[in-house]
Amino acid sequence: MAAYAIESEPIEPIPETSAAERVVADVQPIGALAAVAERVRDSVPLWFHTFALAPGVYTPGIARDHGYRLSVLGADRFAGRSVLDIGAFDGFYSFLAEARGARRVVAVDNEQYVDWVRARFGVTLTGGAGFRAITGLLASRVEYRRMDALDVRELGERFDVVLCFGILHRVTDPIALLQALADVLAPGGEVVLETYGSRLAADAPAIEVHEPGDVYARDDFVYWGFSPETLRRLGQIVGLDEFEVIEELEIDGHPRILALLRAAG
C-alpha cells in the first residue's frame, strides 16, 4: 500500500531537485539495483533529502544546496562516536554518520514536517516514510525515534555529537532547545548547529524576529534569525562555552550560519 495520498494540486509547485543536492547525494551512493531504486523513489511522494539510490537514480529532494555542511561531517567527526540527529526528516545525515564510522546513531523527529508539507505542497505524507525506505535499502542500524527535540533527555543516554540542522529557528524557545541538547552531550561533546542566519552585524547580540510567512510562503514556523554573537551568548547560557563559526553564507536567497558549540571535556 502506498504511504501517501495526494489530496489536490500542489498549493506551491514542488521544487525540482537542484544539481547541487545531487552532488551532496553522491558522497553517499547507495548502489541499489535500478528497479529497486526506482520503486523506493516512487514510494514516497515528497522527499526532502536527495539520495543517490543507484547510478542515475536519485530521490527528488526539495532541499537546496546543503553542500556547505559536508566540511564538518567527515569521518574524523563520526568515527567511533555516538551521534544524535535532531530533526532528521529523511535521515541523510544520520545515514552519513553511520557510513562514516559512528558506533551508534539515533535519529529524532517529531514529524511536524507532515503539516508543513501539506500546507506548502498539498501532499499528505506519512511521517518517517522516507527514513524507513532508506533504512531498508541500507539495512541500516540507525535507531529512529518519533520524539520532540525538547524531550531528548528521555533517551537516557549521552552523545558525542549532536546534529541540529534547520531546527533552532523553528522552536519558540531556542534556549530550551539548546539546554536539552547540552544536557545529552557527553563530556567534550559537540553540537554541530546550522540555522537561519541574520543580516545584522556579526557582533550584534540581537535576534531577528520574523513574522509568519515572511521567510517562506505558507510556512509560519521560522521565528528567528541569529547572528554569530547571538549564538555564542545562547551557548554560554546553557554551558556550551566553546563556540566556533564554520561558515556564514546565503542559500537560495536566505542567510544561513554553520557553527560548533562544545561542552567542557
C-alpha atoms as a PDB file:
ATOM      1  CA  MET A   1       0.000   0.000   0.000  1.00  0.00           C
ATOM      2  CA  ALA A   2       1.289   3.465  -0.820  1.00  0.00           C
ATOM      3  CA  ALA A   3       2.495   5.506   2.131  1.00  0.00           C
ATOM      4  CA  TYR A   4       0.749   8.665   0.995  1.00  0.00           C
ATOM      5  CA  ALA A   5      -2.015  10.307  -0.931  1.00  0.00           C
ATOM      6  CA  ILE A   6      -2.002  13.475  -2.982  1.00  0.00           C
ATOM      7  CA  GLU A   7      -5.166  15.295  -1.997  1.00  0.00           C
ATOM      8  CA  SER A   8      -5.159  18.044  -4.594  1.00  0.00           C
ATOM      9  CA  GLU A   9      -2.993  20.009  -6.946  1.00  0.00           C
ATOM     10  CA  PRO A  10       0.038  21.331  -5.059  1.00  0.00           C
ATOM     11  CA  ILE A  11      -0.580  24.667  -3.376  1.00  0.00           C
ATOM     12  CA  GLU A  12       3.012  25.520  -4.213  1.00  0.00           C
ATOM     13  CA  PRO A  13       4.903  23.776  -7.030  1.00  0.00           C
ATOM     14  CA  ILE A  14       7.235  21.103  -5.694  1.00  0.00           C
ATOM     15  CA  PRO A  15      10.749  22.346  -6.496  1.00  0.00           C
ATOM     16  CA  GLU A  16      12.959  20.440  -8.874  1.00  0.00           C
ATOM     17  CA  THR A  17      15.949  18.732  -7.303  1.00  0.00           C
ATOM     18  CA  SER A  18      18.955  21.008  -7.550  1.00  0.00           C
ATOM     19  CA  ALA A  19      22.165  19.862  -9.209  1.00  0.00           C
ATOM     20  CA  ALA A  20      23.946  20.901  -6.017  1.00  0.00           C
ATOM     21  CA  GLU A  21      21.907  18.438  -3.964  1.00  0.00           C
ATOM     22  CA  ARG A  22      22.785  15.606  -6.329  1.00  0.00           C
ATOM     23  CA  VAL A  23      26.424  16.425  -5.693  1.00  0.00           C
ATOM     24  CA  VAL A  24      25.739  16.128  -1.952  1.00  0.00           C
ATOM     25  CA  ALA A  25      23.921  12.817  -2.508  1.00  0.00           C
ATOM     26  CA  ASP A  26      26.879  11.430  -4.438  1.00  0.00           C
ATOM     27  CA  VAL A  27      29.066  11.465  -1.317  1.00  0.00           C
ATOM     28  CA  GLN A  28      26.955   8.530  -0.081  1.00  0.00           C
ATOM     29  CA  PRO A  29      25.992   6.338  -3.061  1.00  0.00           C
ATOM     30  CA  ILE A  30      23.665   3.508  -2.050  1.00  0.00           C
ATOM     31  CA  GLY A  31      24.205   1.332  -5.107  1.00  0.00           C
ATOM     32  CA  ALA A  32      20.845  -0.455  -5.219  1.00  0.00           C
ATOM     33  CA  LEU A  33      19.609  -2.272  -8.295  1.00  0.00           C
ATOM     34  CA  ALA A  34      17.936   0.178 -10.663  1.00  0.00           C
ATOM     35  CA  ALA A  35      14.496  -1.449 -10.455  1.00  0.00           C
ATOM     36  CA  VAL A  36      14.615  -1.496  -6.648  1.00  0.00           C
ATOM     37  CA  ALA A  37      15.855   2.088  -6.550  1.00  0.00           C
ATOM     38  CA  GLU A  38      13.041   3.303  -8.779  1.00  0.00           C
ATOM     39  CA  ARG A  39      10.447   1.502  -6.674  1.00  0.00           C
ATOM     40  CA  VAL A  40      11.769   3.094  -3.480  1.00  0.00           C
ATOM     41  CA  ARG A  41      11.991   6.522  -5.106  1.00  0.00           C
ATOM     42  CA  ASP A  42       8.377   6.333  -6.241  1.00  0.00           C
ATOM     43  CA  SER A  43       7.037   5.015  -2.916  1.00  0.00           C
ATOM     44  CA  VAL A  44       7.356   8.406  -1.220  1.00  0.00           C
ATOM     45  CA  PRO A  45       5.534  11.420  -2.689  1.00  0.00           C
ATOM     46  CA  LEU A  46       7.839  14.108  -1.396  1.00  0.00           C
ATOM     47  CA  TRP A  47      11.451  13.709  -0.435  1.00  0.00           C
ATOM     48  CA  PHE A  48      13.288  16.401   1.460  1.00  0.00           C
ATOM     49  CA  HIS A  49      16.732  14.854   1.089  1.00  0.00           C
ATOM     50  CA  THR A  50      18.263  13.741  -2.173  1.00  0.00           C
ATOM     51  CA  PHE A  51      19.736  10.221  -2.079  1.00  0.00           C
ATOM     52  CA  ALA A  52      21.802   8.564  -4.795  1.00  0.00           C
ATOM     53  CA  LEU A  53      19.877   5.281  -4.843  1.00  0.00           C
ATOM     54  CA  ALA A  54      21.515   3.765  -7.928  1.00  0.00           C
ATOM     55  CA  PRO A  55      23.596   5.096 -10.835  1.00  0.00           C
ATOM     56  CA  GLY A  56      21.432   7.827 -12.339  1.00  0.00           C
ATOM     57  CA  VAL A  57      18.528   7.251  -9.903  1.00  0.00           C
ATOM     58  CA  TYR A  58      18.028   9.906  -7.244  1.00  0.00           C
ATOM     59  CA  THR A  59      15.225  10.719  -4.855  1.00  0.00           C
ATOM     60  CA  PRO A  60      13.765  14.087  -5.951  1.00  0.00           C
ATOM     61  CA  GLY A  61      14.706  16.000  -2.811  1.00  0.00           C
ATOM     62  CA  ILE A  62      13.462  19.553  -2.399  1.00  0.00           C
ATOM     63  CA  ALA A  63      16.270  20.777  -0.112  1.00  0.00           C
ATOM     64  CA  ARG A  64      18.550  23.405  -1.590  1.00  0.00           C
ATOM     65  CA  ASP A  65      22.349  23.328  -1.568  1.00  0.00           C
ATOM     66  CA  HIS A  66      23.420  21.625   1.674  1.00  0.00           C
ATOM     67  CA  GLY A  67      26.969  21.028   0.490  1.00  0.00           C
ATOM     68  CA  TYR A  68      28.393  23.542   2.945  1.00  0.00           C
ATOM     69  CA  ARG A  69      27.558  21.164   5.804  1.00  0.00           C
ATOM     70  CA  LEU A  70      29.871  18.463   4.497  1.00  0.00           C
ATOM     71  CA  SER A  71      33.036  20.308   5.564  1.00  0.00           C
ATOM     72  CA  VAL A  72      32.342  19.396   9.201  1.00  0.00           C
ATOM     73  CA  LEU A  73      30.918  15.919   8.619  1.00  0.00           C
ATOM     74  CA  GLY A  74      33.979  13.888   7.787  1.00  0.00           C
ATOM     75  CA  ALA A  75      34.954  10.545   9.280  1.00  0.00           C
ATOM     76  CA  ASP A  76      37.061  12.412  11.840  1.00  0.00           C
ATOM     77  CA  ARG A  77      33.850  13.788  13.357  1.00  0.00           C
ATOM     78  CA  PHE A  78      31.990  10.476  13.465  1.00  0.00           C
ATOM     79  CA  ALA A  79      34.363   7.522  13.672  1.00  0.00           C
ATOM     80  CA  GLY A  80      33.785   5.559  16.874  1.00  0.00           C
ATOM     81  CA  ARG A  81      31.426   8.181  18.290  1.00  0.00           C
ATOM     82  CA  SER A  82      27.755   8.237  19.262  1.00  0.00           C
ATOM     83  CA  VAL A  83      25.583  10.620  17.256  1.00  0.00           C
ATOM     84  CA  LEU A  84      22.154  12.176  17.796  1.00  0.00           C
ATOM     85  CA  ASP A  85      20.483  13.699  14.733  1.00  0.00           C
ATOM     86  CA  ILE A  86      17.749  16.190  15.675  1.00  0.00           C
ATOM     87  CA  GLY A  87      15.007  16.860  13.125  1.00  0.00           C
ATOM     88  CA  ALA A  88      16.286  14.083  10.884  1.00  0.00           C
ATOM     89  CA  PHE A  89      13.427  14.089   8.303  1.00  0.00           C
ATOM     90  CA  ASP A  90      14.552  11.543   5.642  1.00  0.00           C
ATOM     91  CA  GLY A  91      17.772  10.943   7.562  1.00  0.00           C
ATOM     92  CA  PHE A  92      20.521  11.772   5.089  1.00  0.00           C
ATOM     93  CA  TYR A  93      22.891  12.919   7.823  1.00  0.00           C
ATOM     94  CA  SER A  94      22.021  10.052  10.135  1.00  0.00           C
ATOM     95  CA  PHE A  95      22.968   7.559   7.436  1.00  0.00           C
ATOM     96  CA  LEU A  96      26.061   9.573   6.538  1.00  0.00           C
ATOM     97  CA  ALA A  97      27.231   9.435  10.156  1.00  0.00           C
ATOM     98  CA  GLU A  98      26.740   5.667  10.170  1.00  0.00           C
ATOM     99  CA  ALA A  99      28.605   5.261   6.890  1.00  0.00           C
ATOM    100  CA  ARG A 100      31.475   7.351   8.226  1.00  0.00           C
ATOM    101  CA  GLY A 101      32.046   5.175  11.236  1.00  0.00           C
ATOM    102  CA  ALA A 102      29.727   6.272  14.039  1.00  0.00           C
ATOM    103  CA  ARG A 103      29.318   3.436  16.530  1.00  0.00           C
ATOM    104  CA  ARG A 104      25.722   4.445  17.309  1.00  0.00           C
ATOM    105  CA  VAL A 105      23.271   6.832  15.640  1.00  0.00           C
ATOM    106  CA  VAL A 106      19.879   7.895  16.965  1.00  0.00           C
ATOM    107  CA  ALA A 107      17.641   9.958  14.686  1.00  0.00           C
ATOM    108  CA  VAL A 108      14.850  12.013  16.243  1.00  0.00           C
ATOM    109  CA  ASP A 109      11.977  13.837  14.575  1.00  0.00           C
ATOM    110  CA  ASN A 110       8.595  14.956  15.876  1.00  0.00           C
ATOM    111  CA  GLU A 111       7.273  14.659  12.289  1.00  0.00           C
ATOM    112  CA  GLN A 112       5.692  18.095  12.288  1.00  0.00           C
ATOM    113  CA  TYR A 113       7.020  18.362   8.768  1.00  0.00           C
ATOM    114  CA  VAL A 114       3.926  16.385   7.740  1.00  0.00           C
ATOM    115  CA  ASP A 115       1.872  19.523   8.390  1.00  0.00           C
ATOM    116  CA  TRP A 116       4.488  21.709   6.690  1.00  0.00           C
ATOM    117  CA  VAL A 117       4.420  19.542   3.560  1.00  0.00           C
ATOM    118  CA  ARG A 118       0.619  19.554   3.445  1.00  0.00           C
ATOM    119  CA  ALA A 119       0.435  23.326   3.910  1.00  0.00           C
ATOM    120  CA  ARG A 120       3.006  24.142   1.247  1.00  0.00           C
ATOM    121  CA  PHE A 121       2.504  21.436  -1.350  1.00  0.00           C
ATOM    122  CA  GLY A 122      -0.901  19.870  -0.733  1.00  0.00           C
ATOM    123  CA  VAL A 123       0.640  16.439  -0.188  1.00  0.00           C
ATOM    124  CA  THR A 124      -0.266  14.094   2.658  1.00  0.00           C
ATOM    125  CA  LEU A 125       2.930  12.402   3.760  1.00  0.00           C
ATOM    126  CA  THR A 126       3.287   9.634   6.328  1.00  0.00           C
ATOM    127  CA  GLY A 127       5.872  10.622   8.950  1.00  0.00           C
ATOM    128  CA  GLY A 128       9.118   8.712   8.645  1.00  0.00           C
ATOM    129  CA  ALA A 129       8.261   7.228   5.244  1.00  0.00           C
ATOM    130  CA  GLY A 130      11.459   8.327   3.529  1.00  0.00           C
ATOM    131  CA  PHE A 131      13.585   7.361   6.511  1.00  0.00           C
ATOM    132  CA  ARG A 132      12.164   3.845   6.624  1.00  0.00           C
ATOM    133  CA  ALA A 133      12.586   3.398   2.877  1.00  0.00           C
ATOM    134  CA  ILE A 134      16.298   4.258   3.044  1.00  0.00           C
ATOM    135  CA  THR A 135      16.778   2.167   6.186  1.00  0.00           C
ATOM    136  CA  GLY A 136      15.536  -0.860   4.274  1.00  0.00           C
ATOM    137  CA  LEU A 137      17.844  -0.253   1.331  1.00  0.00           C
ATOM    138  CA  LEU A 138      20.885   0.162   3.553  1.00  0.00           C
ATOM    139  CA  ALA A 139      19.965  -2.464   6.152  1.00  0.00           C
ATOM    140  CA  SER A 140      20.862   0.391   8.494  1.00  0.00           C
ATOM    141  CA  ARG A 141      21.141   0.114  12.264  1.00  0.00           C
ATOM    142  CA  VAL A 142      20.270   3.769  12.833  1.00  0.00           C
ATOM    143  CA  GLU A 143      17.594   3.985  15.522  1.00  0.00           C
ATOM    144  CA  TYR A 144      14.646   6.214  14.671  1.00  0.00           C
ATOM    145  CA  ARG A 145      12.524   7.789  17.391  1.00  0.00           C
ATOM    146  CA  ARG A 146       9.405   9.884  16.869  1.00  0.00           C
ATOM    147  CA  MET A 147      10.121  12.435  19.557  1.00  0.00           C
ATOM    148  CA  ASP A 148      10.222  16.164  20.096  1.00  0.00           C
ATOM    149  CA  ALA A 149      13.732  17.578  20.348  1.00  0.00           C
ATOM    150  CA  LEU A 150      12.914  19.095  23.731  1.00  0.00           C
ATOM    151  CA  ASP A 151      12.337  15.596  25.101  1.00  0.00           C
ATOM    152  CA  VAL A 152      15.690  14.026  24.175  1.00  0.00           C
ATOM    153  CA  ARG A 153      16.655  13.652  27.843  1.00  0.00           C
ATOM    154  CA  GLU A 154      14.119  10.804  27.850  1.00  0.00           C
ATOM    155  CA  LEU A 155      16.519   8.796  25.701  1.00  0.00           C
ATOM    156  CA  GLY A 156      18.554   8.279  28.867  1.00  0.00           C
ATOM    157  CA  GLU A 157      21.947   8.459  27.202  1.00  0.00           C
ATOM    158  CA  ARG A 158      24.655  10.904  26.225  1.00  0.00           C
ATOM    159  CA  PHE A 159      26.121  11.539  22.801  1.00  0.00           C
ATOM    160  CA  ASP A 160      29.480  12.665  21.489  1.00  0.00           C
ATOM    161  CA  VAL A 161      27.953  14.579  18.569  1.00  0.00           C
ATOM    162  CA  VAL A 162      24.543  16.193  18.161  1.00  0.00           C
ATOM    163  CA  LEU A 163      23.491  17.321  14.688  1.00  0.00           C
ATOM    164  CA  CYS A 164      20.957  20.156  14.778  1.00  0.00           C
ATOM    165  CA  PHE A 165      20.262  21.312  11.243  1.00  0.00           C
ATOM    166  CA  GLY A 166      17.485  23.755  10.385  1.00  0.00           C
ATOM    167  CA  ILE A 167      15.682  23.436  13.728  1.00  0.00           C
ATOM    168  CA  LEU A 168      16.758  26.219  16.105  1.00  0.00           C
ATOM    169  CA  HIS A 169      14.944  28.943  14.172  1.00  0.00           C
ATOM    170  CA  ARG A 170      11.743  26.844  14.250  1.00  0.00           C
ATOM    171  CA  VAL A 171      11.317  26.497  18.018  1.00  0.00           C
ATOM    172  CA  THR A 172       9.617  29.103  20.164  1.00  0.00           C
ATOM    173  CA  ASP A 173      12.222  28.728  22.915  1.00  0.00           C
ATOM    174  CA  PRO A 174      15.741  28.386  21.465  1.00  0.00           C
ATOM    175  CA  ILE A 175      17.331  28.428  24.919  1.00  0.00           C
ATOM    176  CA  ALA A 176      15.240  25.437  25.966  1.00  0.00           C
ATOM    177  CA  LEU A 177      16.296  23.512  22.872  1.00  0.00           C
ATOM    178  CA  LEU A 178      19.983  24.269  23.329  1.00  0.00           C
ATOM    179  CA  GLN A 179      19.715  23.314  27.008  1.00  0.00           C
ATOM    180  CA  ALA A 180      18.118  19.997  26.090  1.00  0.00           C
ATOM    181  CA  LEU A 181      20.942  19.280  23.660  1.00  0.00           C
ATOM    182  CA  ALA A 182      23.615  20.359  26.119  1.00  0.00           C
ATOM    183  CA  ASP A 183      22.115  18.020  28.725  1.00  0.00           C
ATOM    184  CA  VAL A 184      22.591  14.956  26.500  1.00  0.00           C
ATOM    185  CA  LEU A 185      26.163  15.750  25.443  1.00  0.00           C
ATOM    186  CA  ALA A 186      28.968  13.581  26.748  1.00  0.00           C
ATOM    187  CA  PRO A 187      31.943  15.432  28.265  1.00  0.00           C
ATOM    188  CA  GLY A 188      33.798  17.087  25.406  1.00  0.00           C
ATOM    189  CA  GLY A 189      30.845  16.533  23.100  1.00  0.00           C
ATOM    190  CA  GLU A 190      29.743  18.998  20.472  1.00  0.00           C
ATOM    191  CA  VAL A 191      26.646  20.341  18.782  1.00  0.00           C
ATOM    192  CA  VAL A 192      27.008  20.833  15.039  1.00  0.00           C
ATOM    193  CA  LEU A 193      24.476  23.612  14.511  1.00  0.00           C
ATOM    194  CA  GLU A 194      23.074  25.027  11.291  1.00  0.00           C
ATOM    195  CA  THR A 195      20.314  27.592  11.469  1.00  0.00           C
ATOM    196  CA  TYR A 196      18.764  30.626   9.851  1.00  0.00           C
ATOM    197  CA  GLY A 197      21.227  33.479   9.938  1.00  0.00           C
ATOM    198  CA  SER A 198      20.827  37.204  10.231  1.00  0.00           C
ATOM    199  CA  ARG A 199      21.623  40.278   8.203  1.00  0.00           C
ATOM    200  CA  LEU A 200      22.626  42.050  11.410  1.00  0.00           C
ATOM    201  CA  ALA A 201      26.300  42.662  12.110  1.00  0.00           C
ATOM    202  CA  ALA A 202      28.166  39.533  13.187  1.00  0.00           C
ATOM    203  CA  ASP A 203      28.861  41.009  16.631  1.00  0.00           C
ATOM    204  CA  ALA A 204      25.261  42.144  17.192  1.00  0.00           C
ATOM    205  CA  PRO A 205      23.779  40.340  20.220  1.00  0.00           C
ATOM    206  CA  ALA A 206      20.206  40.720  18.944  1.00  0.00           C
ATOM    207  CA  ILE A 207      17.854  38.124  17.438  1.00  0.00           C
ATOM    208  CA  GLU A 208      15.819  38.969  14.363  1.00  0.00           C
ATOM    209  CA  VAL A 209      12.124  38.158  14.799  1.00  0.00           C
ATOM    210  CA  HIS A 210      10.230  37.080  11.700  1.00  0.00           C
ATOM    211  CA  GLU A 211       6.537  37.446  11.008  1.00  0.00           C
ATOM    212  CA  PRO A 212       4.629  34.311   9.972  1.00  0.00           C
ATOM    213  CA  GLY A 213       5.250  33.547   6.321  1.00  0.00           C
ATOM    214  CA  ASP A 214       7.765  36.318   5.635  1.00  0.00           C
ATOM    215  CA  VAL A 215      10.650  33.877   5.129  1.00  0.00           C
ATOM    216  CA  TYR A 216       8.875  31.076   3.247  1.00  0.00           C
ATOM    217  CA  ALA A 217       5.349  31.383   1.895  1.00  0.00           C
ATOM    218  CA  ARG A 218       2.800  29.315   3.861  1.00  0.00           C
ATOM    219  CA  ASP A 219       5.472  28.496   6.443  1.00  0.00           C
ATOM    220  CA  ASP A 220       4.568  30.135   9.759  1.00  0.00           C
ATOM    221  CA  PHE A 221       7.309  28.492  11.798  1.00  0.00           C
ATOM    222  CA  VAL A 222      10.514  30.369  11.039  1.00  0.00           C
ATOM    223  CA  TYR A 223      10.672  32.620  14.069  1.00  0.00           C
ATOM    224  CA  TRP A 224      14.265  33.775  14.426  1.00  0.00           C
ATOM    225  CA  GLY A 225      17.392  34.930  12.636  1.00  0.00           C
ATOM    226  CA  PHE A 226      20.651  34.509  14.578  1.00  0.00           C
ATOM    227  CA  SER A 227      23.935  36.385  14.398  1.00  0.00           C
ATOM    228  CA  PRO A 228      27.169  34.653  15.459  1.00  0.00           C
ATOM    229  CA  GLU A 229      27.324  36.706  18.657  1.00  0.00           C
ATOM    230  CA  THR A 230      23.757  35.722  19.492  1.00  0.00           C
ATOM    231  CA  LEU A 231      24.588  32.031  19.148  1.00  0.00           C
ATOM    232  CA  ARG A 232      27.755  32.428  21.212  1.00  0.00           C
ATOM    233  CA  ARG A 233      25.778  34.021  24.055  1.00  0.00           C
ATOM    234  CA  LEU A 234      22.992  31.452  23.866  1.00  0.00           C
ATOM    235  CA  GLY A 235      25.618  28.720  24.045  1.00  0.00           C
ATOM    236  CA  GLN A 236      27.129  30.284  27.142  1.00  0.00           C
ATOM    237  CA  ILE A 237      23.726  30.393  28.843  1.00  0.00           C
ATOM    238  CA  VAL A 238      23.386  26.591  28.541  1.00  0.00           C
ATOM    239  CA  GLY A 239      27.021  25.845  29.421  1.00  0.00           C
ATOM    240  CA  LEU A 240      28.423  25.392  25.901  1.00  0.00           C
ATOM    241  CA  ASP A 241      31.239  27.885  26.314  1.00  0.00           C
ATOM    242  CA  GLU A 242      33.296  26.982  23.256  1.00  0.00           C
ATOM    243  CA  PHE A 243      31.812  28.414  20.074  1.00  0.00           C
ATOM    244  CA  GLU A 244      33.170  28.370  16.538  1.00  0.00           C
ATOM    245  CA  VAL A 245      31.629  29.769  13.385  1.00  0.00           C
ATOM    246  CA  ILE A 246      32.365  27.462  10.468  1.00  0.00           C
ATOM    247  CA  GLU A 247      30.667  29.466   7.744  1.00  0.00           C
ATOM    248  CA  GLU A 248      28.140  32.208   7.080  1.00  0.00           C
ATOM    249  CA  LEU A 249      26.568  32.121   3.650  1.00  0.00           C
ATOM    250  CA  GLU A 250      23.430  32.691   1.630  1.00  0.00           C
ATOM    251  CA  ILE A 251      21.438  29.782   0.194  1.00  0.00           C
ATOM    252  CA  ASP A 252      18.608  30.398  -2.261  1.00  0.00           C
ATOM    253  CA  GLY A 253      18.423  33.991  -1.065  1.00  0.00           C
ATOM    254  CA  HIS A 254      18.419  33.150   2.655  1.00  0.00           C
ATOM    255  CA  PRO A 255      21.194  33.701   5.222  1.00  0.00           C
ATOM    256  CA  ARG A 256      22.478  30.586   6.965  1.00  0.00           C
ATOM    257  CA  ILE A 257      25.066  30.013   9.640  1.00  0.00           C
ATOM    258  CA  LEU A 258      27.004  26.826  10.425  1.00  0.00           C
ATOM    259  CA  ALA A 259      28.713  26.619  13.803  1.00  0.00           C
ATOM    260  CA  LEU A 260      30.048  24.309  16.518  1.00  0.00           C
ATOM    261  CA  LEU A 261      29.203  24.524  20.225  1.00  0.00           C
ATOM    262  CA  ARG A 262      31.245  22.312  22.558  1.00  0.00           C
ATOM    263  CA  ALA A 263      30.834  21.041  26.086  1.00  0.00           C
ATOM    264  CA  ALA A 264      33.696  21.062  28.566  1.00  0.00           C
ATOM    265  CA  GLY A 265      35.835  17.927  28.499  1.00  0.00           C
END
